[in-house]
Amino acid sequence: MGVIEKRKGSALGKLLKALWNSVIIFFIPGVILTSISPSFTIELSRTDQGRVDASVVRNILLIIPTYTFMAANVNAVEASTIDGGVIREGNRPTGRITGQAEDDGLLLIKSQSSSPIEVWVSPTSLEEVGNNIRFFINESKEPSLGLWVVSNWKFGAILPGAILLFSMVNFIISVWQVLTGKSWEQKSG
């Protein structure tokens, strides 16, 4: 039997493959996670007449806008926490309780001219975000207020961030291997 020699690709081809692999490692799980638990960018602006208008953008991958909701003449904000309930064994109503589901925070930005805008906010941030918006509407003289909020810190920000870090480390290792021609494998002797 003859020895089969493995083809070695060009350095550019290897770098592009490493970049593609890193993007796939981050992009697919990141889009799935942040679609389920998105972040929102809230922009409030005060017009010359003193009216407050709101623009809320739903983001995936932390910063990529997917939907924009607009409201003119914002006059109130309502914050409520929705109880996650208990988790039961076998998902049966009579099953043994095995845990507690996470609560959700819902912020409703209300205006006189349109239906309320729903913004899902982590319950840990809900009160502070609601207070900031109320203060801006009722007391502040600032021309604008911008907020970035996450509906769930663990699944909407920390986990996608960890996946991004992993994919970046993977890419850096791949680039190092291409540039130096060396491998990270340990050689046992």
Foldseek 3Di string as FASTA:
>chain_A
DDDDDDDDDALVVLLVVLVVVLCVLQPPLQQVLCVVKWKKKWKWFADPVRFIKIKIFTDGPQPHGDDIDIDTRFDAKDKDKAFQAFQFPPNDPPGHTDGGGAIWMWMWGDHPPDGTDIDIAHPVCGVVVRVVVNCCSPPDPDGMDIDMGIRDCVRHPVVSVVSSVVSVVSSVQSNVCSVVVDHPDDDDD
